[in-house]
Amino acid sequence: MPSQPNGNTAEALPNYEDELARFEAEERKRLGLDKIAAKEQWKDTINQDFFEDQRDHTTILVSGLTMAHDNFVQAGLSGLGYKIKALDCPDNEALQFGKEFGNRGQCNPTYFTVGNLVKYLVKLRDEQGMSTEDILENHVFLTAGACGPCRFGMYVTEYRKALNDAGFEGFRVMLFDANGGMSQATGRGVGLKMDRAFFVTLGKAILAGDALNAIMYRIRPYEVEEGSTDKAIEDCREYIMEALSNKKSIYRALWKCRKRFQQVKVDRTMVKPKVTIIGEFWAMTTEGEGNYRLQRFLEQEGAEVDIQLITGWILYNIWQGRVDTRARMRLKHADMDARKGLKTTETAKKFAILKIAEWALKGTFYSFAKVLGLGGYHLPDMVENADLASEHYNNELRGGEGHMEVGKLIQTVIHNKAHMVLSVKPFGCMPSSGVSDGVQSIITEKYPEAIFLPIETTGDGAVNVYSRVQMMLFKAKRAAEQEYENLLKEKGLTTDQVKALIEKNSRLSKTTHYSPHKAAGTAANFLHEAA
């Protein structure tokens, strides 16, 4: 044995593992834990058995997007022979169900969406008298999933946990992952056949929903008769749902919508601040109490709302595909074992497919928009967005909206697209809060003219959120009014003279007419064109 500095031989060190084991055994005995049977690691029980021969009696439940999108998906897939039910927009009752049966510390979208599903099933059982066995046998839930770095990647497990605790153990939750497709049982034929007809129908539903929502937020703030836009929207939803469910021309339905909108009288000389809503996908998209009905609240406070479309998110995924493929091409060795590896991929062909997909997506959306009367609408430029954001936010960080929130704020300011940007995210949303509350502070320093407000939603903080929005909206209103007043002086006109010019030009008085972009506000753009 080596000698110590004092010349003595070192004693053998004690076996700490044995000491710890002995101490643990003594403590377990002292606390009475030695009599408790050893526990096994919990494992998620996944049931995705949905077969072709179950299709006739199985109702597929869908939810999570706007009501227009959910209803159009319901109609479209019904036309393909499926039994589809779009759940109502999640409300605070759904939130309570989510908190009762869900884990602690979930984010707002999880509480609302899982609670909405549980609420529907509980009412089937307790109010309509359907047995639990019938519910399990005749229903399946289809939801979106992702590989997000936050809790979104665990949504499907949270669904199953809440369903089990609510008494619906074994309820089928089918996860559709935009990055990896959807796992389904095989052997007896899949219940949900994801073929060309499925994706074409789904695409029509999403793009039609986007176009309808976009034109709705253009028209409603300027309606002369309150509620007339909502009535027209309800009729248009019926036109489009009827076309999708009966496999009729979607263009004919959109044309009927255009004619229906012409019956809504508008006055675009009303000066309103334009507010762009960005943020976490679900929080900025939902129209219910999950974001305190912010779109409606902003309109009631005298603003025009500029929303983000699902089409933009799809374009972002196409952009990711191109960037990732280009980056993998530069590797010294093929990443053959990776899920997105290029070992068996023809990169030129992949780039061509992605480009064709982008052209098809944009072409279809713009054709829908043109027929509907959504003129002058521009989908986001993903390359510009990434380039503008890259100085402040690494494009490789893909959590949530990734760099897009930073890019959207910069684009809004430099292109003068809106008077105010409102970023909405769930309480504690790691990707979105990290962006809005961190990086965006640098952007607002760089662009001091930006009116930017980040807010977090928890389901029970509406008063605080409304108060903060009202304070920032006051600044946006003053900016819109100043913009319009300066333009009137520049043109040497009064508001009455502008209205007289409009009366002489029937094209300007059309409901679906939208002036070319010159300023942030719609009234200012209208004045530019009218003068």
Protein backbone atom coordinates (compact mmCIF):
# COMPACT_ATOMS: atom_id res chain seq x y z
CA MET A 1 0.00 0.00 0.00
CA PRO A 2 1.25 3.54 -0.67
CA SER A 3 2.57 5.39 2.34
CA GLN A 4 0.98 8.54 3.72
CA PRO A 5 3.12 11.66 4.22
CA ASN A 6 3.59 10.70 7.90
CA GLY A 7 4.93 7.31 6.86
CA ASN A 8 1.86 5.25 8.00
CA THR A 9 0.21 2.78 5.68
CA ALA A 10 -3.22 4.01 4.41
CA GLU A 11 -6.21 2.12 5.80
CA ALA A 12 -8.63 0.52 3.36
CA LEU A 13 -11.43 2.91 2.39
CA PRO A 14 -14.95 1.87 3.48
CA ASN A 15 -17.41 0.58 0.90
CA TYR A 16 -19.79 3.53 0.63
CA GLU A 17 -22.30 1.61 -1.47
CA ASP A 18 -22.73 -0.96 1.30
CA GLU A 19 -22.99 1.82 3.89
CA LEU A 20 -25.70 3.60 1.90
CA ALA A 21 -27.63 0.38 1.37
CA ARG A 22 -27.47 -0.40 5.10
CA PHE A 23 -28.59 3.14 5.99
CA GLU A 24 -31.49 2.94 3.48
CA ALA A 25 -32.66 -0.39 4.92
CA GLU A 26 -32.61 1.00 8.47
CA GLU A 27 -34.54 4.13 7.45
CA ARG A 28 -37.14 2.17 5.49
CA LYS A 29 -37.70 -0.05 8.51
CA ARG A 30 -37.90 2.95 10.86
CA LEU A 31 -40.46 4.70 8.62
CA GLY A 32 -42.47 1.55 7.93
CA LEU A 33 -41.65 1.56 4.25
CA ASP A 34 -40.22 -1.94 4.28
CA LYS A 35 -43.74 -3.39 4.32
CA ILE A 36 -44.79 -1.59 1.11
CA ALA A 37 -44.47 -3.63 -2.06
CA ALA A 38 -41.91 -2.44 -4.58
CA LYS A 39 -43.39 -0.24 -7.32
CA GLU A 40 -42.79 -0.69 -11.02
CA GLN A 41 -42.01 2.08 -13.45
CA TRP A 42 -45.19 3.57 -14.93
CA LYS A 43 -45.66 3.09 -18.66
CA ASP A 44 -48.18 4.84 -20.89
CA THR A 45 -50.81 2.46 -22.27
CA ILE A 46 -51.33 3.45 -25.88
CA ASN A 47 -54.45 2.30 -27.69
CA GLN A 48 -54.64 3.36 -31.34
CA ASP A 49 -56.63 0.40 -32.62
CA PHE A 50 -58.91 1.97 -35.20
CA PHE A 51 -59.69 -0.46 -38.00
CA GLU A 52 -61.47 -0.16 -41.31
CA ASP A 53 -64.37 -2.36 -40.17
CA GLN A 54 -64.96 0.02 -37.22
CA ARG A 55 -65.31 3.09 -39.43
CA ASP A 56 -69.10 2.96 -39.82
CA HIS A 57 -69.84 3.14 -36.10
CA THR A 58 -66.85 5.19 -34.87
CA THR A 59 -67.08 8.96 -34.50
CA ILE A 60 -63.78 10.80 -34.92
CA LEU A 61 -63.65 13.83 -32.61
CA VAL A 62 -61.60 16.82 -33.78
CA SER A 63 -60.85 20.24 -32.29
CA GLY A 64 -58.05 22.71 -31.71
CA LEU A 65 -58.30 25.19 -34.59
CA THR A 66 -60.79 27.98 -35.24
CA MET A 67 -64.44 27.00 -35.54
CA ALA A 68 -64.35 27.62 -39.29
CA HIS A 69 -61.43 25.20 -39.72
CA ASP A 70 -62.91 22.54 -37.42
CA ASN A 71 -66.30 22.71 -39.14
CA PHE A 72 -64.74 22.51 -42.59
CA VAL A 73 -62.61 19.51 -41.57
CA GLN A 74 -65.76 17.87 -40.23
CA ALA A 75 -67.62 18.51 -43.48
CA GLY A 76 -64.75 17.44 -45.72
CA LEU A 77 -64.00 14.17 -43.95
CA SER A 78 -67.73 13.43 -43.71
CA GLY A 79 -67.76 13.63 -47.50
CA LEU A 80 -65.10 10.91 -47.55
CA GLY A 81 -67.35 8.58 -45.55
CA TYR A 82 -66.13 9.20 -42.00
CA LYS A 83 -68.25 10.03 -38.98
CA ILE A 84 -66.74 13.30 -37.75
CA LYS A 85 -67.69 15.56 -34.86
CA ALA A 86 -66.05 18.96 -34.34
CA LEU A 87 -66.09 19.86 -30.67
CA ASP A 88 -67.19 23.32 -29.57
CA CYS A 89 -64.59 26.00 -28.92
CA PRO A 90 -63.08 25.36 -25.45
CA ASP A 91 -64.57 27.52 -22.70
CA ASN A 92 -63.88 28.05 -19.00
CA GLU A 93 -65.94 24.97 -18.12
CA ALA A 94 -63.51 22.96 -20.26
CA LEU A 95 -60.65 24.61 -18.37
CA GLN A 96 -62.11 23.40 -15.06
CA PHE A 97 -62.36 19.84 -16.38
CA GLY A 98 -58.76 20.09 -17.55
CA LYS A 99 -57.53 21.26 -14.17
CA GLU A 100 -59.60 18.64 -12.33
CA PHE A 101 -58.30 15.65 -14.25
CA GLY A 102 -55.03 16.92 -15.73
CA ASN A 103 -51.61 17.09 -14.15
CA ARG A 104 -50.50 20.18 -12.26
CA GLY A 105 -48.36 22.72 -14.07
CA GLN A 106 -49.66 22.15 -17.58
CA CYS A 107 -49.81 25.02 -20.04
CA ASN A 108 -53.05 26.73 -20.95
CA PRO A 109 -53.69 25.00 -24.31
CA THR A 110 -53.41 21.59 -22.67
CA TYR A 111 -55.88 22.40 -19.92
CA PHE A 112 -58.41 23.82 -22.36
CA THR A 113 -58.12 21.18 -25.08
CA VAL A 114 -57.97 18.07 -22.88
CA GLY A 115 -60.67 19.55 -20.66
CA ASN A 116 -62.84 20.15 -23.71
CA LEU A 117 -62.59 16.49 -24.69
CA VAL A 118 -63.27 15.23 -21.17
CA LYS A 119 -66.22 17.62 -20.81
CA TYR A 120 -67.79 16.27 -24.01
CA LEU A 121 -67.36 12.63 -22.96
CA VAL A 122 -68.64 13.24 -19.42
CA LYS A 123 -71.78 14.87 -20.81
CA LEU A 124 -72.29 11.93 -23.16
CA ARG A 125 -72.12 9.61 -20.15
CA ASP A 126 -73.83 11.62 -17.40
CA GLU A 127 -76.39 13.70 -19.31
CA GLN A 128 -77.18 11.63 -22.41
CA GLY A 129 -76.92 8.27 -20.66
CA MET A 130 -74.37 6.65 -22.97
CA SER A 131 -72.45 3.86 -21.29
CA THR A 132 -68.69 4.11 -20.85
CA GLU A 133 -68.29 0.97 -22.95
CA ASP A 134 -70.20 2.52 -25.85
CA ILE A 135 -68.14 5.71 -25.61
CA LEU A 136 -64.89 3.76 -25.75
CA GLU A 137 -66.10 1.54 -28.57
CA ASN A 138 -67.61 4.25 -30.76
CA HIS A 139 -65.34 7.27 -30.37
CA VAL A 140 -61.75 8.20 -31.14
CA PHE A 141 -59.98 11.54 -30.78
CA LEU A 142 -57.66 12.89 -33.47
CA THR A 143 -55.19 15.53 -32.31
CA ALA A 144 -51.99 17.17 -33.46
CA GLY A 145 -48.61 16.43 -31.95
CA ALA A 146 -45.07 17.68 -32.33
CA CYS A 147 -41.54 17.29 -31.05
CA GLY A 148 -41.54 20.65 -29.27
CA PRO A 149 -39.02 21.22 -26.47
CA CYS A 150 -41.80 22.19 -24.06
CA ARG A 151 -44.91 20.40 -22.83
CA PHE A 152 -46.47 20.26 -26.30
CA GLY A 153 -44.51 17.08 -26.95
CA MET A 154 -46.32 15.47 -24.01
CA TYR A 155 -49.87 16.50 -24.93
CA VAL A 156 -51.01 13.06 -25.98
CA THR A 157 -49.85 11.52 -22.69
CA GLU A 158 -51.68 14.23 -20.77
CA TYR A 159 -54.83 13.43 -22.75
CA ARG A 160 -54.63 9.78 -21.76
CA LYS A 161 -53.91 10.57 -18.10
CA ALA A 162 -56.93 12.90 -17.84
CA LEU A 163 -59.18 10.43 -19.68
CA ASN A 164 -58.14 7.58 -17.37
CA ASP A 165 -58.81 9.66 -14.25
CA ALA A 166 -62.20 10.75 -15.62
CA GLY A 167 -63.25 7.13 -16.03
CA PHE A 168 -62.46 6.59 -19.72
CA GLU A 169 -59.43 4.35 -19.47
CA GLY A 170 -58.43 2.99 -22.85
CA PHE A 171 -60.06 5.79 -24.85
CA ARG A 172 -58.32 6.00 -28.23
CA VAL A 173 -56.25 9.11 -28.87
CA MET A 174 -54.67 9.19 -32.30
CA LEU A 175 -51.71 11.50 -32.67
CA PHE A 176 -51.07 13.16 -36.01
CA ASP A 177 -47.54 14.52 -36.12
CA ALA A 178 -46.78 16.97 -38.91
CA ASN A 179 -43.16 15.78 -38.83
CA GLY A 180 -43.76 12.07 -38.70
CA GLY A 181 -47.25 11.24 -39.89
CA MET A 182 -49.51 9.08 -37.76
CA SER A 183 -49.17 5.61 -36.32
CA GLN A 184 -52.17 3.38 -36.90
CA ALA A 185 -52.96 -0.24 -36.28
CA THR A 186 -52.45 -2.54 -39.24
CA GLY A 187 -53.63 -5.99 -40.24
CA ARG A 188 -57.37 -5.30 -40.55
CA GLY A 189 -57.07 -2.14 -42.65
CA VAL A 190 -56.53 1.30 -41.16
CA GLY A 191 -59.52 3.21 -39.87
CA LEU A 192 -58.31 6.60 -41.07
CA LYS A 193 -56.93 6.21 -44.55
CA MET A 194 -54.42 8.99 -45.13
CA ASP A 195 -54.33 8.95 -48.91
CA ARG A 196 -54.40 11.64 -51.59
CA ALA A 197 -58.15 12.25 -51.16
CA PHE A 198 -57.64 12.77 -47.42
CA PHE A 199 -54.88 15.35 -47.81
CA VAL A 200 -56.59 17.19 -50.69
CA THR A 201 -59.77 17.46 -48.65
CA LEU A 202 -57.87 18.54 -45.55
CA GLY A 203 -56.00 21.14 -47.60
CA LYS A 204 -59.23 22.57 -49.00
CA ALA A 205 -60.71 22.80 -45.49
CA ILE A 206 -57.67 24.58 -44.03
CA LEU A 207 -57.18 27.02 -46.90
CA ALA A 208 -60.88 27.85 -47.11
CA GLY A 209 -60.94 28.42 -43.36
CA ASP A 210 -57.91 30.70 -43.59
CA ALA A 211 -59.41 32.76 -46.41
CA LEU A 212 -62.78 33.10 -44.69
CA ASN A 213 -61.24 34.13 -41.38
CA ALA A 214 -58.97 36.67 -43.07
CA ILE A 215 -61.80 38.41 -44.89
CA MET A 216 -63.99 38.32 -41.78
CA TYR A 217 -61.44 40.32 -39.78
CA ARG A 218 -61.14 42.77 -42.68
CA ILE A 219 -64.87 43.48 -42.91
CA ARG A 220 -66.30 43.23 -39.39
CA PRO A 221 -64.53 46.29 -37.85
CA TYR A 222 -66.03 48.54 -40.54
CA GLU A 223 -69.59 47.19 -40.71
CA VAL A 224 -72.31 49.82 -40.51
CA GLU A 225 -74.95 47.47 -39.11
CA GLU A 226 -73.65 45.61 -36.06
CA GLY A 227 -73.79 41.84 -36.47
CA SER A 228 -74.26 41.88 -40.25
CA THR A 229 -70.79 40.39 -40.86
CA ASP A 230 -71.39 37.53 -38.43
CA LYS A 231 -74.64 36.68 -40.21
CA ALA A 232 -72.85 36.64 -43.55
CA ILE A 233 -70.07 34.46 -42.09
CA GLU A 234 -72.59 31.92 -40.80
CA ASP A 235 -74.16 31.68 -44.27
CA CYS A 236 -70.74 31.34 -45.88
CA ARG A 237 -69.74 28.55 -43.53
CA GLU A 238 -72.86 26.67 -44.60
CA TYR A 239 -72.04 27.20 -48.29
CA ILE A 240 -68.51 25.86 -47.86
CA MET A 241 -69.50 22.96 -45.58
CA GLU A 242 -72.16 21.89 -48.06
CA ALA A 243 -69.61 21.94 -50.89
CA LEU A 244 -67.04 19.93 -48.92
CA SER A 245 -69.45 17.33 -47.57
CA ASN A 246 -71.04 16.72 -51.00
CA LYS A 247 -67.78 16.98 -52.98
CA LYS A 248 -68.99 19.97 -54.94
CA SER A 249 -66.92 22.85 -56.30
CA ILE A 250 -65.27 24.81 -53.51
CA TYR A 251 -64.83 27.73 -55.91
CA ARG A 252 -68.56 27.97 -56.50
CA ALA A 253 -69.11 28.09 -52.74
CA LEU A 254 -66.50 30.81 -52.33
CA TRP A 255 -68.13 32.83 -55.12
CA LYS A 256 -71.47 32.58 -53.30
CA CYS A 257 -69.68 33.85 -50.19
CA ARG A 258 -68.33 36.82 -52.14
CA LYS A 259 -71.83 37.78 -53.30
CA ARG A 260 -73.14 37.36 -49.76
CA PHE A 261 -70.46 39.70 -48.36
CA GLN A 262 -71.51 42.40 -50.82
CA GLN A 263 -74.75 42.68 -48.83
CA VAL A 264 -72.79 43.91 -45.79
CA LYS A 265 -72.51 47.68 -45.76
CA VAL A 266 -69.16 49.06 -44.58
CA ASP A 267 -67.58 52.44 -43.89
CA ARG A 268 -63.81 52.34 -44.23
CA THR A 269 -63.40 56.03 -43.42
CA MET A 270 -63.64 55.02 -39.75
CA VAL A 271 -60.14 55.39 -38.32
CA LYS A 272 -59.12 52.28 -36.40
CA PRO A 273 -55.72 51.06 -35.20
CA LYS A 274 -54.60 47.82 -36.80
CA VAL A 275 -53.35 45.24 -34.29
CA THR A 276 -51.33 42.21 -35.42
CA ILE A 277 -51.65 39.16 -33.16
CA ILE A 278 -48.64 36.85 -32.99
CA GLY A 279 -47.41 34.33 -30.40
CA GLU A 280 -47.78 30.69 -29.48
CA PHE A 281 -49.81 28.90 -32.15
CA TRP A 282 -52.86 27.80 -30.13
CA ALA A 283 -53.06 30.92 -27.98
CA MET A 284 -53.04 33.28 -30.96
CA THR A 285 -55.40 31.10 -33.03
CA THR A 286 -58.21 30.11 -30.66
CA GLU A 287 -61.31 32.29 -30.63
CA GLY A 288 -62.59 31.38 -27.20
CA GLU A 289 -61.81 31.91 -23.56
CA GLY A 290 -58.39 30.31 -23.95
CA ASN A 291 -57.09 33.75 -24.96
CA TYR A 292 -59.90 35.75 -23.31
CA ARG A 293 -61.60 36.19 -26.71
CA LEU A 294 -58.95 38.75 -27.56
CA GLN A 295 -59.95 39.15 -31.19
CA ARG A 296 -63.48 40.18 -30.22
CA PHE A 297 -62.24 42.32 -27.35
CA LEU A 298 -59.91 44.26 -29.63
CA GLU A 299 -62.72 44.88 -32.11
CA GLN A 300 -65.04 46.02 -29.33
CA GLU A 301 -62.33 48.47 -28.26
CA GLY A 302 -62.27 49.94 -31.75
CA ALA A 303 -59.38 48.06 -33.40
CA GLU A 304 -58.93 46.06 -36.58
CA VAL A 305 -57.30 42.67 -35.99
CA ASP A 306 -54.69 41.15 -38.29
CA ILE A 307 -54.50 37.40 -37.64
CA GLN A 308 -51.94 34.72 -38.49
CA LEU A 309 -53.06 31.96 -40.84
CA ILE A 310 -52.41 28.22 -40.66
CA THR A 311 -51.10 28.54 -44.22
CA GLY A 312 -48.22 30.57 -42.79
CA TRP A 313 -47.34 27.76 -40.40
CA ILE A 314 -47.29 25.28 -43.29
CA LEU A 315 -44.97 27.60 -45.23
CA TYR A 316 -42.71 27.70 -42.17
CA ASN A 317 -42.50 23.89 -42.19
CA ILE A 318 -41.63 23.90 -45.90
CA TRP A 319 -38.92 26.48 -45.20
CA GLN A 320 -37.56 24.22 -42.45
CA GLY A 321 -37.43 21.30 -44.87
CA ARG A 322 -35.30 23.25 -47.35
CA VAL A 323 -32.95 24.67 -44.72
CA ASP A 324 -32.45 21.32 -42.97
CA THR A 325 -31.80 19.48 -46.23
CA ARG A 326 -29.27 22.08 -47.31
CA ALA A 327 -27.50 21.86 -43.94
CA ARG A 328 -27.35 18.05 -44.04
CA MET A 329 -25.85 18.14 -47.53
CA ARG A 330 -22.77 19.85 -46.06
CA LEU A 331 -22.04 17.08 -43.55
CA LYS A 332 -18.84 15.09 -44.14
CA HIS A 333 -20.67 11.80 -43.65
CA ALA A 334 -24.27 10.84 -44.36
CA ASP A 335 -26.40 10.91 -41.20
CA MET A 336 -27.79 7.57 -42.24
CA ASP A 337 -29.34 6.67 -38.90
CA ALA A 338 -31.16 9.95 -38.34
CA ARG A 339 -34.90 10.20 -38.89
CA LYS A 340 -34.33 12.95 -41.46
CA GLY A 341 -31.11 11.47 -42.80
CA LEU A 342 -30.18 11.72 -46.46
CA LYS A 343 -28.70 8.26 -47.00
CA THR A 344 -31.41 7.19 -49.46
CA THR A 345 -32.64 10.66 -50.43
CA GLU A 346 -32.16 12.34 -53.77
CA THR A 347 -31.60 15.89 -52.59
CA ALA A 348 -32.38 17.55 -55.91
CA LYS A 349 -35.68 15.70 -56.02
CA LYS A 350 -36.44 16.66 -52.43
CA PHE A 351 -35.80 20.35 -53.13
CA ALA A 352 -38.04 20.13 -56.19
CA ILE A 353 -40.85 18.51 -54.18
CA LEU A 354 -40.63 21.20 -51.49
CA LYS A 355 -40.68 23.96 -54.10
CA ILE A 356 -43.67 22.43 -55.86
CA ALA A 357 -45.43 22.08 -52.50
CA GLU A 358 -44.83 25.77 -51.79
CA TRP A 359 -46.11 26.81 -55.23
CA ALA A 360 -49.17 24.60 -54.88
CA LEU A 361 -49.95 25.91 -51.41
CA LYS A 362 -49.58 29.56 -52.36
CA GLY A 363 -51.33 29.11 -55.69
CA THR A 364 -54.34 27.40 -54.14
CA PHE A 365 -54.63 29.94 -51.34
CA TYR A 366 -54.41 32.92 -53.67
CA SER A 367 -56.97 31.37 -56.03
CA PHE A 368 -59.35 30.86 -53.08
CA ALA A 369 -58.69 34.43 -51.94
CA LYS A 370 -59.33 35.90 -55.39
CA VAL A 371 -62.67 34.14 -55.82
CA LEU A 372 -63.74 35.05 -52.27
CA GLY A 373 -62.84 38.72 -52.76
CA LEU A 374 -59.83 38.71 -50.46
CA GLY A 375 -57.78 40.98 -52.68
CA GLY A 376 -54.31 42.25 -51.92
CA TYR A 377 -53.60 39.67 -49.21
CA HIS A 378 -49.95 38.63 -48.97
CA LEU A 379 -48.72 35.46 -47.30
CA PRO A 380 -45.60 35.90 -45.15
CA ASP A 381 -42.17 35.81 -46.77
CA MET A 382 -40.41 33.09 -44.78
CA VAL A 383 -36.96 33.78 -46.21
CA GLU A 384 -37.14 37.47 -45.29
CA ASN A 385 -38.55 36.57 -41.88
CA ALA A 386 -35.64 34.25 -41.16
CA ASP A 387 -33.04 36.72 -42.43
CA LEU A 388 -34.41 39.57 -40.32
CA ALA A 389 -34.64 37.44 -37.19
CA SER A 390 -31.27 35.70 -37.57
CA GLU A 391 -29.30 38.63 -36.13
CA HIS A 392 -31.20 38.31 -32.86
CA TYR A 393 -32.53 34.72 -32.73
CA ASN A 394 -30.86 31.58 -34.03
CA ASN A 395 -32.88 30.09 -36.87
CA GLU A 396 -31.93 26.61 -35.67
CA LEU A 397 -33.96 27.01 -32.48
CA ARG A 398 -37.27 25.48 -33.52
CA GLY A 399 -39.35 25.51 -30.33
CA GLY A 400 -42.86 26.88 -30.75
CA GLU A 401 -42.89 29.55 -33.45
CA GLY A 402 -39.09 29.51 -33.53
CA HIS A 403 -37.64 32.72 -34.88
CA MET A 404 -40.91 33.74 -36.53
CA GLU A 405 -42.15 35.94 -33.68
CA VAL A 406 -39.00 38.05 -33.85
CA GLY A 407 -39.19 38.24 -37.63
CA LYS A 408 -42.89 39.12 -37.59
CA LEU A 409 -42.34 42.07 -35.24
CA ILE A 410 -39.50 43.43 -37.37
CA GLN A 411 -41.47 42.91 -40.59
CA THR A 412 -44.48 44.71 -39.12
CA VAL A 413 -42.37 47.72 -38.18
CA ILE A 414 -40.17 48.11 -41.26
CA HIS A 415 -43.06 47.50 -43.68
CA ASN A 416 -45.50 49.61 -41.63
CA LYS A 417 -48.04 46.78 -41.59
CA ALA A 418 -49.82 47.59 -38.31
CA HIS A 419 -49.91 50.12 -35.49
CA MET A 420 -49.47 47.56 -32.71
CA VAL A 421 -48.21 44.00 -32.24
CA LEU A 422 -49.77 41.83 -29.54
CA SER A 423 -47.90 38.63 -28.63
CA VAL A 424 -50.06 36.00 -26.90
CA LYS A 425 -48.71 32.95 -25.17
CA PRO A 426 -49.70 30.53 -22.38
CA PHE A 427 -48.37 31.23 -18.92
CA GLY A 428 -44.81 29.93 -18.72
CA CYS A 429 -44.59 28.95 -22.40
CA MET A 430 -40.85 28.39 -22.68
CA PRO A 431 -40.23 29.04 -26.39
CA SER A 432 -42.67 31.94 -26.77
CA SER A 433 -42.01 33.65 -23.45
CA GLY A 434 -38.29 33.36 -24.03
CA VAL A 435 -38.76 35.16 -27.33
CA SER A 436 -41.26 37.84 -26.34
CA ASP A 437 -39.94 38.66 -22.90
CA GLY A 438 -36.28 38.38 -23.84
CA VAL A 439 -35.25 38.93 -27.42
CA GLN A 440 -38.16 41.22 -28.26
CA SER A 441 -36.91 43.78 -25.73
CA ILE A 442 -33.88 44.24 -27.99
CA ILE A 443 -36.13 44.66 -31.03
CA THR A 444 -38.20 47.38 -29.35
CA GLU A 445 -34.99 49.21 -28.41
CA LYS A 446 -33.80 48.99 -32.00
CA TYR A 447 -37.20 50.06 -33.34
CA PRO A 448 -38.58 52.48 -30.71
CA GLU A 449 -41.59 53.29 -32.91
CA ALA A 450 -42.91 49.74 -32.35
CA ILE A 451 -45.91 49.43 -30.06
CA PHE A 452 -45.42 45.91 -28.70
CA LEU A 453 -47.23 44.11 -25.88
CA PRO A 454 -46.52 40.53 -24.73
CA ILE A 455 -49.24 38.92 -22.60
CA GLU A 456 -49.59 35.52 -20.95
CA THR A 457 -52.86 33.64 -20.58
CA THR A 458 -53.77 31.47 -17.59
CA GLY A 459 -57.53 31.16 -17.98
CA ASP A 460 -58.35 33.40 -15.03
CA GLY A 461 -56.52 36.66 -15.66
CA ALA A 462 -58.82 38.40 -18.13
CA VAL A 463 -59.19 41.65 -16.16
CA ASN A 464 -55.44 42.16 -15.93
CA VAL A 465 -54.91 41.33 -19.60
CA TYR A 466 -57.74 43.60 -20.77
CA SER A 467 -56.33 46.46 -18.72
CA ARG A 468 -52.85 46.09 -20.20
CA VAL A 469 -54.23 45.81 -23.73
CA GLN A 470 -56.35 48.94 -23.27
CA MET A 471 -53.34 50.97 -22.13
CA MET A 472 -51.23 49.99 -25.14
CA LEU A 473 -54.20 50.26 -27.49
CA PHE A 474 -54.56 53.92 -26.49
CA LYS A 475 -51.12 54.56 -28.01
CA ALA A 476 -52.07 52.65 -31.15
CA LYS A 477 -55.28 54.67 -31.52
CA ARG A 478 -53.36 57.92 -31.29
CA ALA A 479 -50.88 56.66 -33.90
CA ALA A 480 -53.73 55.71 -36.28
CA GLU A 481 -55.48 59.05 -35.80
CA GLN A 482 -52.25 61.00 -36.33
CA GLU A 483 -51.50 58.99 -39.46
CA TYR A 484 -54.94 59.81 -40.91
CA GLU A 485 -54.93 63.49 -39.90
CA ASN A 486 -51.51 64.03 -41.46
CA LEU A 487 -52.68 62.42 -44.68
CA LEU A 488 -55.82 64.58 -44.81
CA LYS A 489 -53.65 67.68 -44.51
CA GLU A 490 -51.27 66.37 -47.15
CA LYS A 491 -54.14 65.76 -49.59
CA GLY A 492 -55.99 68.96 -48.62
CA LEU A 493 -59.23 67.07 -47.94
CA THR A 494 -61.84 66.71 -45.22
CA THR A 495 -63.57 63.50 -44.17
CA ASP A 496 -66.81 64.65 -45.84
CA GLN A 497 -64.96 65.24 -49.10
CA VAL A 498 -63.47 61.75 -48.90
CA LYS A 499 -66.94 60.25 -48.46
CA ALA A 500 -68.14 62.26 -51.45
CA LEU A 501 -65.30 60.80 -53.54
CA ILE A 502 -66.29 57.29 -52.47
CA GLU A 503 -69.92 57.84 -53.47
CA LYS A 504 -68.77 58.73 -56.99
CA ASN A 505 -66.75 55.51 -57.30
CA SER A 506 -68.83 52.33 -56.97
CA ARG A 507 -65.70 50.17 -56.83
CA LEU A 508 -64.52 51.84 -53.62
CA SER A 509 -67.86 51.25 -51.92
CA LYS A 510 -67.79 47.46 -52.46
CA THR A 511 -67.57 45.46 -49.24
CA THR A 512 -64.75 43.24 -50.46
CA HIS A 513 -62.68 46.11 -51.87
CA TYR A 514 -59.43 46.61 -49.99
CA SER A 515 -57.08 49.45 -50.84
CA PRO A 516 -53.41 48.83 -51.73
CA HIS A 517 -50.96 49.04 -48.87
CA LYS A 518 -49.47 52.49 -48.38
CA ALA A 519 -49.86 53.00 -44.63
CA ALA A 520 -50.55 50.92 -41.54
CA GLY A 521 -54.22 51.83 -41.19
CA THR A 522 -57.04 50.73 -43.48
CA ALA A 523 -58.64 54.19 -43.41
CA ALA A 524 -55.32 55.79 -44.42
CA ASN A 525 -54.88 53.32 -47.29
CA PHE A 526 -58.45 54.00 -48.36
CA LEU A 527 -57.77 57.74 -48.32
CA HIS A 528 -54.64 57.29 -50.44
CA GLU A 529 -56.67 55.48 -53.09
CA ALA A 530 -59.77 57.66 -52.94
CA ALA A 531 -57.77 60.86 -53.29
